[in-house]
Amino acid sequence: MAKKSKKAKAKTAKPKKRTVTAKAKKSTAKKRSAARRDPCAAERANLKRDQDRAAEIRDFLPEAPASQRPRLQAELKRLEQQTIPGDIRKLDACERLHPSR
């Protein structure tokens, strides 16, 4: 009986191991040290961003084109009724967890 030739076995594609770059390590370390200094900074930034966006929409709404008004009004309503109160709750909870030293 003749020996069968070995066919090339289909290799399963293994994902290439990604090495963490020094730059990525540095940025992570920066975030960690910033979080140690002010653990509620992210919540504060989120609240400020949403409040600024709501103010921007309020200012722009009178001169907004008719086609954009319903979308802007819906976004403003969502910001005022859900997002901003949620941000305030998160910030309060964070400040209770980490009272300022």
PDB file of N, CA and C in Angstrom:
ATOM      1  N   MET A   1       0.845  -1.184   0.000  1.00  0.00           N
ATOM      2  CA  MET A   1       0.000   0.000   0.000  1.00  0.00           C
ATOM      3  C   MET A   1       0.886   1.241   0.000  1.00  0.00           C
ATOM      4  N   ALA A   2       0.589   2.118  -0.924  1.00  0.00           N
ATOM      5  CA  ALA A   2       1.405   3.327  -1.063  1.00  0.00           C
ATOM      6  C   ALA A   2       1.079   4.326   0.042  1.00  0.00           C
ATOM      7  N   LYS A   3       2.124   4.994   0.493  1.00  0.00           N
ATOM      8  CA  LYS A   3       1.946   5.987   1.562  1.00  0.00           C
ATOM      9  C   LYS A   3       1.298   7.248   0.984  1.00  0.00           C
ATOM     10  N   LYS A   4       0.261   7.710   1.663  1.00  0.00           N
ATOM     11  CA  LYS A   4      -0.435   8.914   1.185  1.00  0.00           C
ATOM     12  C   LYS A   4       0.401  10.150   1.507  1.00  0.00           C
ATOM     13  N   SER A   5       0.405  11.087   0.584  1.00  0.00           N
ATOM     14  CA  SER A   5       1.162  12.318   0.826  1.00  0.00           C
ATOM     15  C   SER A   5       0.423  13.176   1.853  1.00  0.00           C
ATOM     16  N   LYS A   6       1.197  13.806   2.690  1.00  0.00           N
ATOM     17  CA  LYS A   6       0.581  14.669   3.712  1.00  0.00           C
ATOM     18  C   LYS A   6       0.127  15.968   3.069  1.00  0.00           C
ATOM     19  N   LYS A   7      -1.123  16.268   3.260  1.00  0.00           N
ATOM     20  CA  LYS A   7      -1.625  17.544   2.736  1.00  0.00           C
ATOM     21  C   LYS A   7      -1.376  18.623   3.789  1.00  0.00           C
ATOM     22  N   ALA A   8      -1.182  19.828   3.300  1.00  0.00           N
ATOM     23  CA  ALA A   8      -0.954  20.942   4.236  1.00  0.00           C
ATOM     24  C   ALA A   8      -2.216  21.138   5.066  1.00  0.00           C
ATOM     25  N   LYS A   9      -2.035  21.042   6.352  1.00  0.00           N
ATOM     26  CA  LYS A   9      -3.177  21.199   7.246  1.00  0.00           C
ATOM     27  C   LYS A   9      -3.568  22.675   7.314  1.00  0.00           C
ATOM     28  N   ALA A  10      -4.854  22.921   7.186  1.00  0.00           N
ATOM     29  CA  ALA A  10      -5.319  24.312   7.252  1.00  0.00           C
ATOM     30  C   ALA A  10      -5.158  24.803   8.686  1.00  0.00           C
ATOM     31  N   LYS A  11      -4.348  25.815   8.843  1.00  0.00           N
ATOM     32  CA  LYS A  11      -4.124  26.355  10.184  1.00  0.00           C
ATOM     33  C   LYS A  11      -5.232  27.339  10.525  1.00  0.00           C
ATOM     34  N   THR A  12      -5.676  27.261  11.754  1.00  0.00           N
ATOM     35  CA  THR A  12      -6.678  28.230  12.193  1.00  0.00           C
ATOM     36  C   THR A  12      -5.960  29.552  12.424  1.00  0.00           C
ATOM     37  N   ALA A  13      -6.573  30.593  11.954  1.00  0.00           N
ATOM     38  CA  ALA A  13      -5.941  31.910  12.055  1.00  0.00           C
ATOM     39  C   ALA A  13      -5.929  32.359  13.509  1.00  0.00           C
ATOM     40  N   LYS A  14      -4.739  32.455  14.052  1.00  0.00           N
ATOM     41  CA  LYS A  14      -4.619  32.924  15.432  1.00  0.00           C
ATOM     42  C   LYS A  14      -4.424  34.430  15.409  1.00  0.00           C
ATOM     43  N   PRO A  15      -5.115  35.135  16.294  1.00  0.00           N
ATOM     44  CA  PRO A  15      -4.923  36.585  16.311  1.00  0.00           C
ATOM     45  C   PRO A  15      -3.509  36.927  16.762  1.00  0.00           C
ATOM     46  N   LYS A  16      -2.916  37.876  16.096  1.00  0.00           N
ATOM     47  CA  LYS A  16      -1.555  38.286  16.418  1.00  0.00           C
ATOM     48  C   LYS A  16      -1.576  38.987  17.776  1.00  0.00           C
ATOM     49  N   LYS A  17      -0.675  38.580  18.642  1.00  0.00           N
ATOM     50  CA  LYS A  17      -0.630  39.204  19.964  1.00  0.00           C
ATOM     51  C   LYS A  17      -0.192  40.649  19.820  1.00  0.00           C
ATOM     52  N   ARG A  18      -0.994  41.529  20.388  1.00  0.00           N
ATOM     53  CA  ARG A  18      -0.706  42.949  20.275  1.00  0.00           C
ATOM     54  C   ARG A  18       0.075  43.392  21.494  1.00  0.00           C
ATOM     55  N   THR A  19       1.239  43.947  21.268  1.00  0.00           N
ATOM     56  CA  THR A  19       2.031  44.427  22.395  1.00  0.00           C
ATOM     57  C   THR A  19       1.553  45.828  22.756  1.00  0.00           C
ATOM     58  N   VAL A  20       1.504  46.078  24.028  1.00  0.00           N
ATOM     59  CA  VAL A  20       1.074  47.389  24.494  1.00  0.00           C
ATOM     60  C   VAL A  20       2.233  48.357  24.307  1.00  0.00           C
ATOM     61  N   THR A  21       1.976  49.413  23.577  1.00  0.00           N
ATOM     62  CA  THR A  21       3.041  50.380  23.307  1.00  0.00           C
ATOM     63  C   THR A  21       3.309  51.224  24.547  1.00  0.00           C
ATOM     64  N   ALA A  22       4.470  51.808  24.572  1.00  0.00           N
ATOM     65  CA  ALA A  22       4.852  52.661  25.704  1.00  0.00           C
ATOM     66  C   ALA A  22       3.902  53.847  25.801  1.00  0.00           C
ATOM     67  N   LYS A  23       3.470  54.341  24.629  1.00  0.00           N
ATOM     68  CA  LYS A  23       2.575  55.497  24.601  1.00  0.00           C
ATOM     69  C   LYS A  23       1.233  55.150  25.262  1.00  0.00           C
ATOM     70  N   ALA A  24       0.727  53.952  24.952  1.00  0.00           N
ATOM     71  CA  ALA A  24      -0.543  53.515  25.540  1.00  0.00           C
ATOM     72  C   ALA A  24      -0.406  53.352  27.050  1.00  0.00           C
ATOM     73  N   LYS A  25       0.725  52.778  27.479  1.00  0.00           N
ATOM     74  CA  LYS A  25       0.965  52.613  28.914  1.00  0.00           C
ATOM     75  C   LYS A  25       1.004  53.963  29.610  1.00  0.00           C
ATOM     76  N   LYS A  26       1.664  54.925  28.954  1.00  0.00           N
ATOM     77  CA  LYS A  26       1.817  56.257  29.533  1.00  0.00           C
ATOM     78  C   LYS A  26       0.459  56.941  29.677  1.00  0.00           C
ATOM     79  N   SER A  27      -0.380  56.845  28.629  1.00  0.00           N
ATOM     80  CA  SER A  27      -1.684  57.515  28.688  1.00  0.00           C
ATOM     81  C   SER A  27      -2.566  56.879  29.757  1.00  0.00           C
ATOM     82  N   THR A  28      -2.477  55.546  29.910  1.00  0.00           N
ATOM     83  CA  THR A  28      -3.245  54.861  30.948  1.00  0.00           C
ATOM     84  C   THR A  28      -2.770  55.314  32.323  1.00  0.00           C
ATOM     85  N   ALA A  29      -1.462  55.417  32.481  1.00  0.00           N
ATOM     86  CA  ALA A  29      -0.895  55.850  33.760  1.00  0.00           C
ATOM     87  C   ALA A  29      -1.331  57.273  34.085  1.00  0.00           C
ATOM     88  N   LYS A  30      -1.367  58.115  33.057  1.00  0.00           N
ATOM     89  CA  LYS A  30      -1.804  59.505  33.258  1.00  0.00           C
ATOM     90  C   LYS A  30      -3.245  59.540  33.756  1.00  0.00           C
ATOM     91  N   LYS A  31      -4.106  58.728  33.112  1.00  0.00           N
ATOM     92  CA  LYS A  31      -5.517  58.690  33.512  1.00  0.00           C
ATOM     93  C   LYS A  31      -5.655  58.214  34.947  1.00  0.00           C
ATOM     94  N   ARG A  32      -4.849  57.190  35.303  1.00  0.00           N
ATOM     95  CA  ARG A  32      -4.919  56.660  36.662  1.00  0.00           C
ATOM     96  C   ARG A  32      -4.513  57.702  37.692  1.00  0.00           C
ATOM     97  N   SER A  33      -3.411  58.411  37.410  1.00  0.00           N
ATOM     98  CA  SER A  33      -2.940  59.402  38.381  1.00  0.00           C
ATOM     99  C   SER A  33      -3.924  60.567  38.465  1.00  0.00           C
ATOM    100  N   ALA A  34      -4.539  60.915  37.334  1.00  0.00           N
ATOM    101  CA  ALA A  34      -5.541  61.982  37.346  1.00  0.00           C
ATOM    102  C   ALA A  34      -6.760  61.540  38.154  1.00  0.00           C
ATOM    103  N   ALA A  35      -7.122  60.268  38.028  1.00  0.00           N
ATOM    104  CA  ALA A  35      -8.269  59.740  38.771  1.00  0.00           C
ATOM    105  C   ALA A  35      -7.982  59.734  40.269  1.00  0.00           C
ATOM    106  N   ARG A  36      -6.700  59.538  40.631  1.00  0.00           N
ATOM    107  CA  ARG A  36      -6.358  59.584  42.053  1.00  0.00           C
ATOM    108  C   ARG A  36      -6.486  60.999  42.596  1.00  0.00           C
ATOM    109  N   ARG A  37      -6.067  61.970  41.783  1.00  0.00           N
ATOM    110  CA  ARG A  37      -6.143  63.368  42.238  1.00  0.00           C
ATOM    111  C   ARG A  37      -7.595  63.822  42.358  1.00  0.00           C
ATOM    112  N   ASP A  38      -8.403  63.543  41.313  1.00  0.00           N
ATOM    113  CA  ASP A  38      -9.805  63.959  41.326  1.00  0.00           C
ATOM    114  C   ASP A  38     -10.650  62.826  40.757  1.00  0.00           C
ATOM    115  N   PRO A  39     -11.145  61.940  41.621  1.00  0.00           N
ATOM    116  CA  PRO A  39     -11.863  60.766  41.122  1.00  0.00           C
ATOM    117  C   PRO A  39     -13.193  61.094  40.437  1.00  0.00           C
ATOM    118  N   CYS A  40     -13.730  62.282  40.666  1.00  0.00           N
ATOM    119  CA  CYS A  40     -15.029  62.631  40.081  1.00  0.00           C
ATOM    120  C   CYS A  40     -14.900  63.545  38.862  1.00  0.00           C
ATOM    121  N   ALA A  41     -13.690  63.692  38.341  1.00  0.00           N
ATOM    122  CA  ALA A  41     -13.463  64.606  37.214  1.00  0.00           C
ATOM    123  C   ALA A  41     -14.261  64.195  35.983  1.00  0.00           C
ATOM    124  N   ALA A  42     -14.338  62.900  35.714  1.00  0.00           N
ATOM    125  CA  ALA A  42     -15.049  62.421  34.522  1.00  0.00           C
ATOM    126  C   ALA A  42     -16.533  62.767  34.613  1.00  0.00           C
ATOM    127  N   GLU A  43     -17.123  62.540  35.788  1.00  0.00           N
ATOM    128  CA  GLU A  43     -18.549  62.855  35.969  1.00  0.00           C
ATOM    129  C   GLU A  43     -18.793  64.353  35.819  1.00  0.00           C
ATOM    130  N   ARG A  44     -17.879  65.138  36.405  1.00  0.00           N
ATOM    131  CA  ARG A  44     -18.004  66.592  36.311  1.00  0.00           C
ATOM    132  C   ARG A  44     -17.914  67.050  34.856  1.00  0.00           C
ATOM    133  N   ALA A  45     -16.993  66.456  34.112  1.00  0.00           N
ATOM    134  CA  ALA A  45     -16.810  66.809  32.699  1.00  0.00           C
ATOM    135  C   ALA A  45     -18.039  66.424  31.877  1.00  0.00           C
ATOM    136  N   ASN A  46     -18.611  65.245  32.163  1.00  0.00           N
ATOM    137  CA  ASN A  46     -19.814  64.806  31.441  1.00  0.00           C
ATOM    138  C   ASN A  46     -20.970  65.764  31.678  1.00  0.00           C
ATOM    139  N   LEU A  47     -21.161  66.159  32.940  1.00  0.00           N
ATOM    140  CA  LEU A  47     -22.248  67.076  33.278  1.00  0.00           C
ATOM    141  C   LEU A  47     -22.050  68.415  32.575  1.00  0.00           C
ATOM    142  N   LYS A  48     -20.835  68.940  32.613  1.00  0.00           N
ATOM    143  CA  LYS A  48     -20.549  70.225  31.967  1.00  0.00           C
ATOM    144  C   LYS A  48     -20.792  70.138  30.467  1.00  0.00           C
ATOM    145  N   ARG A  49     -20.335  69.037  29.839  1.00  0.00           N
ATOM    146  CA  ARG A  49     -20.518  68.853  28.395  1.00  0.00           C
ATOM    147  C   ARG A  49     -22.006  68.861  28.031  1.00  0.00           C
ATOM    148  N   ASP A  50     -22.823  68.133  28.819  1.00  0.00           N
ATOM    149  CA  ASP A  50     -24.252  68.052  28.518  1.00  0.00           C
ATOM    150  C   ASP A  50     -24.950  69.390  28.765  1.00  0.00           C
ATOM    151  N   GLN A  51     -24.544  70.098  29.825  1.00  0.00           N
ATOM    152  CA  GLN A  51     -25.132  71.411  30.092  1.00  0.00           C
ATOM    153  C   GLN A  51     -24.766  72.402  28.994  1.00  0.00           C
ATOM    154  N   ASP A  52     -23.524  72.359  28.529  1.00  0.00           N
ATOM    155  CA  ASP A  52     -23.091  73.242  27.437  1.00  0.00           C
ATOM    156  C   ASP A  52     -23.871  72.946  26.164  1.00  0.00           C
ATOM    157  N   ARG A  53     -24.074  71.666  25.879  1.00  0.00           N
ATOM    158  CA  ARG A  53     -24.819  71.268  24.677  1.00  0.00           C
ATOM    159  C   ARG A  53     -26.267  71.764  24.761  1.00  0.00           C
ATOM    160  N   ALA A  54     -26.889  71.641  25.929  1.00  0.00           N
ATOM    161  CA  ALA A  54     -28.266  72.104  26.106  1.00  0.00           C
ATOM    162  C   ALA A  54     -28.344  73.620  25.911  1.00  0.00           C
ATOM    163  N   ALA A  55     -27.375  74.355  26.462  1.00  0.00           N
ATOM    164  CA  ALA A  55     -27.354  75.814  26.307  1.00  0.00           C
ATOM    165  C   ALA A  55     -27.167  76.193  24.841  1.00  0.00           C
ATOM    166  N   GLU A  56     -26.299  75.456  24.152  1.00  0.00           N
ATOM    167  CA  GLU A  56     -26.046  75.709  22.731  1.00  0.00           C
ATOM    168  C   GLU A  56     -27.324  75.512  21.912  1.00  0.00           C
ATOM    169  N   ILE A  57     -28.060  74.449  22.207  1.00  0.00           N
ATOM    170  CA  ILE A  57     -29.313  74.175  21.479  1.00  0.00           C
ATOM    171  C   ILE A  57     -30.331  75.271  21.776  1.00  0.00           C
ATOM    172  N   ARG A  58     -30.441  75.666  23.063  1.00  0.00           N
ATOM    173  CA  ARG A  58     -31.396  76.723  23.434  1.00  0.00           C
ATOM    174  C   ARG A  58     -31.106  78.022  22.686  1.00  0.00           C
ATOM    175  N   ASP A  59     -29.819  78.363  22.558  1.00  0.00           N
ATOM    176  CA  ASP A  59     -29.436  79.592  21.853  1.00  0.00           C
ATOM    177  C   ASP A  59     -29.742  79.500  20.364  1.00  0.00           C
ATOM    178  N   PHE A  60     -29.521  78.329  19.773  1.00  0.00           N
ATOM    179  CA  PHE A  60     -29.634  78.162  18.323  1.00  0.00           C
ATOM    180  C   PHE A  60     -31.069  77.907  17.866  1.00  0.00           C
ATOM    181  N   LEU A  61     -31.927  77.425  18.775  1.00  0.00           N
ATOM    182  CA  LEU A  61     -33.284  76.999  18.392  1.00  0.00           C
ATOM    183  C   LEU A  61     -34.098  78.066  17.664  1.00  0.00           C
ATOM    184  N   PRO A  62     -34.120  79.339  18.113  1.00  0.00           N
ATOM    185  CA  PRO A  62     -34.945  80.334  17.405  1.00  0.00           C
ATOM    186  C   PRO A  62     -34.577  80.516  15.932  1.00  0.00           C
ATOM    187  N   GLU A  63     -33.280  80.495  15.604  1.00  0.00           N
ATOM    188  CA  GLU A  63     -32.898  80.707  14.204  1.00  0.00           C
ATOM    189  C   GLU A  63     -32.624  79.402  13.455  1.00  0.00           C
ATOM    190  N   ALA A  64     -32.957  78.253  14.069  1.00  0.00           N
ATOM    191  CA  ALA A  64     -32.728  76.962  13.414  1.00  0.00           C
ATOM    192  C   ALA A  64     -33.693  76.776  12.246  1.00  0.00           C
ATOM    193  N   PRO A  65     -33.221  76.129  11.164  1.00  0.00           N
ATOM    194  CA  PRO A  65     -34.131  75.846  10.046  1.00  0.00           C
ATOM    195  C   PRO A  65     -35.270  74.928  10.499  1.00  0.00           C
ATOM    196  N   ALA A  66     -36.411  75.070   9.864  1.00  0.00           N
ATOM    197  CA  ALA A  66     -37.601  74.307  10.262  1.00  0.00           C
ATOM    198  C   ALA A  66     -37.361  72.799  10.204  1.00  0.00           C
ATOM    199  N   SER A  67     -36.516  72.374   9.275  1.00  0.00           N
ATOM    200  CA  SER A  67     -36.262  70.934   9.135  1.00  0.00           C
ATOM    201  C   SER A  67     -35.487  70.368  10.329  1.00  0.00           C
ATOM    202  N   GLN A  68     -34.704  71.221  10.995  1.00  0.00           N
ATOM    203  CA  GLN A  68     -33.884  70.747  12.124  1.00  0.00           C
ATOM    204  C   GLN A  68     -34.572  70.909  13.470  1.00  0.00           C
ATOM    205  N   ARG A  69     -35.604  71.748  13.526  1.00  0.00           N
ATOM    206  CA  ARG A  69     -36.231  72.058  14.821  1.00  0.00           C
ATOM    207  C   ARG A  69     -36.715  70.831  15.598  1.00  0.00           C
ATOM    208  N   PRO A  70     -37.492  69.925  14.980  1.00  0.00           N
ATOM    209  CA  PRO A  70     -37.990  68.788  15.772  1.00  0.00           C
ATOM    210  C   PRO A  70     -36.864  67.947  16.378  1.00  0.00           C
ATOM    211  N   ARG A  71     -35.803  67.738  15.610  1.00  0.00           N
ATOM    212  CA  ARG A  71     -34.669  66.947  16.100  1.00  0.00           C
ATOM    213  C   ARG A  71     -33.988  67.650  17.273  1.00  0.00           C
ATOM    214  N   LEU A  72     -33.793  68.965  17.128  1.00  0.00           N
ATOM    215  CA  LEU A  72     -33.139  69.732  18.197  1.00  0.00           C
ATOM    216  C   LEU A  72     -34.009  69.783  19.451  1.00  0.00           C
ATOM    217  N   GLN A  73     -35.322  69.953  19.254  1.00  0.00           N
ATOM    218  CA  GLN A  73     -36.226  69.988  20.407  1.00  0.00           C
ATOM    219  C   GLN A  73     -36.218  68.645  21.136  1.00  0.00           C
ATOM    220  N   ALA A  74     -36.195  67.564  20.361  1.00  0.00           N
ATOM    221  CA  ALA A  74     -36.162  66.232  20.975  1.00  0.00           C
ATOM    222  C   ALA A  74     -34.866  66.031  21.755  1.00  0.00           C
ATOM    223  N   GLU A  75     -33.751  66.490  21.181  1.00  0.00           N
ATOM    224  CA  GLU A  75     -32.460  66.343  21.856  1.00  0.00           C
ATOM    225  C   GLU A  75     -32.421  67.172  23.139  1.00  0.00           C
ATOM    226  N   LEU A  76     -32.962  68.391  23.068  1.00  0.00           N
ATOM    227  CA  LEU A  76     -32.992  69.264  24.244  1.00  0.00           C
ATOM    228  C   LEU A  76     -33.848  68.641  25.350  1.00  0.00           C
ATOM    229  N   LYS A  77     -34.996  68.098  24.960  1.00  0.00           N
ATOM    230  CA  LYS A  77     -35.897  67.472  25.929  1.00  0.00           C
ATOM    231  C   LYS A  77     -35.200  66.288  26.607  1.00  0.00           C
ATOM    232  N   ARG A  78     -34.516  65.474  25.787  1.00  0.00           N
ATOM    233  CA  ARG A  78     -33.801  64.310  26.327  1.00  0.00           C
ATOM    234  C   ARG A  78     -32.699  64.752  27.294  1.00  0.00           C
ATOM    235  N   LEU A  79     -31.964  65.806  26.904  1.00  0.00           N
ATOM    236  CA  LEU A  79     -30.894  66.311  27.774  1.00  0.00           C
ATOM    237  C   LEU A  79     -31.461  66.803  29.103  1.00  0.00           C
ATOM    238  N   GLU A  80     -32.532  67.598  29.026  1.00  0.00           N
ATOM    239  CA  GLU A  80     -33.081  68.216  30.242  1.00  0.00           C
ATOM    240  C   GLU A  80     -33.765  67.209  31.160  1.00  0.00           C
ATOM    241  N   GLN A  81     -34.445  66.214  30.569  1.00  0.00           N
ATOM    242  CA  GLN A  81     -35.242  65.312  31.404  1.00  0.00           C
ATOM    243  C   GLN A  81     -34.506  64.048  31.839  1.00  0.00           C
ATOM    244  N   GLN A  82     -33.522  63.609  31.031  1.00  0.00           N
ATOM    245  CA  GLN A  82     -32.862  62.346  31.378  1.00  0.00           C
ATOM    246  C   GLN A  82     -31.373  62.512  31.639  1.00  0.00           C
ATOM    247  N   THR A  83     -30.676  63.037  30.655  1.00  0.00           N
ATOM    248  CA  THR A  83     -29.213  63.011  30.705  1.00  0.00           C
ATOM    249  C   THR A  83     -28.645  63.866  31.836  1.00  0.00           C
ATOM    250  N   ILE A  84     -29.060  65.134  31.904  1.00  0.00           N
ATOM    251  CA  ILE A  84     -28.489  66.037  32.922  1.00  0.00           C
ATOM    252  C   ILE A  84     -28.849  65.578  34.340  1.00  0.00           C
ATOM    253  N   PRO A  85     -30.123  65.229  34.628  1.00  0.00           N
ATOM    254  CA  PRO A  85     -30.406  64.713  35.978  1.00  0.00           C
ATOM    255  C   PRO A  85     -29.608  63.442  36.308  1.00  0.00           C
ATOM    256  N   GLY A  86     -29.413  62.591  35.300  1.00  0.00           N
ATOM    257  CA  GLY A  86     -28.610  61.376  35.501  1.00  0.00           C
ATOM    258  C   GLY A  86     -27.171  61.711  35.825  1.00  0.00           C
ATOM    259  N   ASP A  87     -26.630  62.706  35.100  1.00  0.00           N
ATOM    260  CA  ASP A  87     -25.253  63.144  35.356  1.00  0.00           C
ATOM    261  C   ASP A  87     -25.119  63.703  36.770  1.00  0.00           C
ATOM    262  N   ILE A  88     -26.117  64.471  37.189  1.00  0.00           N
ATOM    263  CA  ILE A  88     -26.090  65.066  38.533  1.00  0.00           C
ATOM    264  C   ILE A  88     -26.113  63.960  39.591  1.00  0.00           C
ATOM    265  N   ARG A  89     -26.972  62.943  39.374  1.00  0.00           N
ATOM    266  CA  ARG A  89     -27.039  61.815  40.313  1.00  0.00           C
ATOM    267  C   ARG A  89     -25.695  61.097  40.407  1.00  0.00           C
ATOM    268  N   LYS A  90     -25.077  60.852  39.238  1.00  0.00           N
ATOM    269  CA  LYS A  90     -23.783  60.157  39.222  1.00  0.00           C
ATOM    270  C   LYS A  90     -22.711  60.970  39.941  1.00  0.00           C
ATOM    271  N   LEU A  91     -22.710  62.292  39.698  1.00  0.00           N
ATOM    272  CA  LEU A  91     -21.717  63.156  40.331  1.00  0.00           C
ATOM    273  C   LEU A  91     -21.920  63.183  41.846  1.00  0.00           C
ATOM    274  N   ASP A  92     -23.182  63.277  42.287  1.00  0.00           N
ATOM    275  CA  ASP A  92     -23.471  63.268  43.724  1.00  0.00           C
ATOM    276  C   ASP A  92     -23.009  61.964  44.373  1.00  0.00           C
ATOM    277  N   ALA A  93     -23.292  60.853  43.693  1.00  0.00           N
ATOM    278  CA  ALA A  93     -22.887  59.546  44.224  1.00  0.00           C
ATOM    279  C   ALA A  93     -21.369  59.462  44.325  1.00  0.00           C
ATOM    280  N   CYS A  94     -20.685  59.971  43.313  1.00  0.00           N
ATOM    281  CA  CYS A  94     -19.219  59.940  43.303  1.00  0.00           C
ATOM    282  C   CYS A  94     -18.666  60.806  44.432  1.00  0.00           C
ATOM    283  N   GLU A  95     -19.258  61.971  44.623  1.00  0.00           N
ATOM    284  CA  GLU A  95     -18.767  62.873  45.674  1.00  0.00           C
ATOM    285  C   GLU A  95     -19.038  62.316  47.068  1.00  0.00           C
ATOM    286  N   ARG A  96     -20.115  61.533  47.202  1.00  0.00           N
ATOM    287  CA  ARG A  96     -20.365  60.879  48.489  1.00  0.00           C
ATOM    288  C   ARG A  96     -19.318  59.785  48.737  1.00  0.00           C
ATOM    289  N   LEU A  97     -18.951  59.080  47.657  1.00  0.00           N
ATOM    290  CA  LEU A  97     -17.938  58.019  47.775  1.00  0.00           C
ATOM    291  C   LEU A  97     -16.555  58.585  48.074  1.00  0.00           C
ATOM    292  N   HIS A  98     -16.242  59.705  47.424  1.00  0.00           N
ATOM    293  CA  HIS A  98     -14.913  60.315  47.569  1.00  0.00           C
ATOM    294  C   HIS A  98     -15.049  61.734  48.111  1.00  0.00           C
ATOM    295  N   PRO A  99     -15.309  61.886  49.405  1.00  0.00           N
ATOM    296  CA  PRO A  99     -15.401  63.251  49.929  1.00  0.00           C
ATOM    297  C   PRO A  99     -14.062  63.962  49.760  1.00  0.00           C
ATOM    298  N   SER A 100     -14.129  65.234  49.423  1.00  0.00           N
ATOM    299  CA  SER A 100     -12.879  65.970  49.152  1.00  0.00           C
ATOM    300  C   SER A 100     -12.020  65.999  50.407  1.00  0.00           C
ATOM    301  N   ARG A 101     -10.740  65.757  50.178  1.00  0.00           N
ATOM    302  CA  ARG A 101      -9.811  65.652  51.322  1.00  0.00           C
ATOM    303  C   ARG A 101      -9.618  67.004  51.987  1.00  0.00           C
TER     304      ARG A 101
END
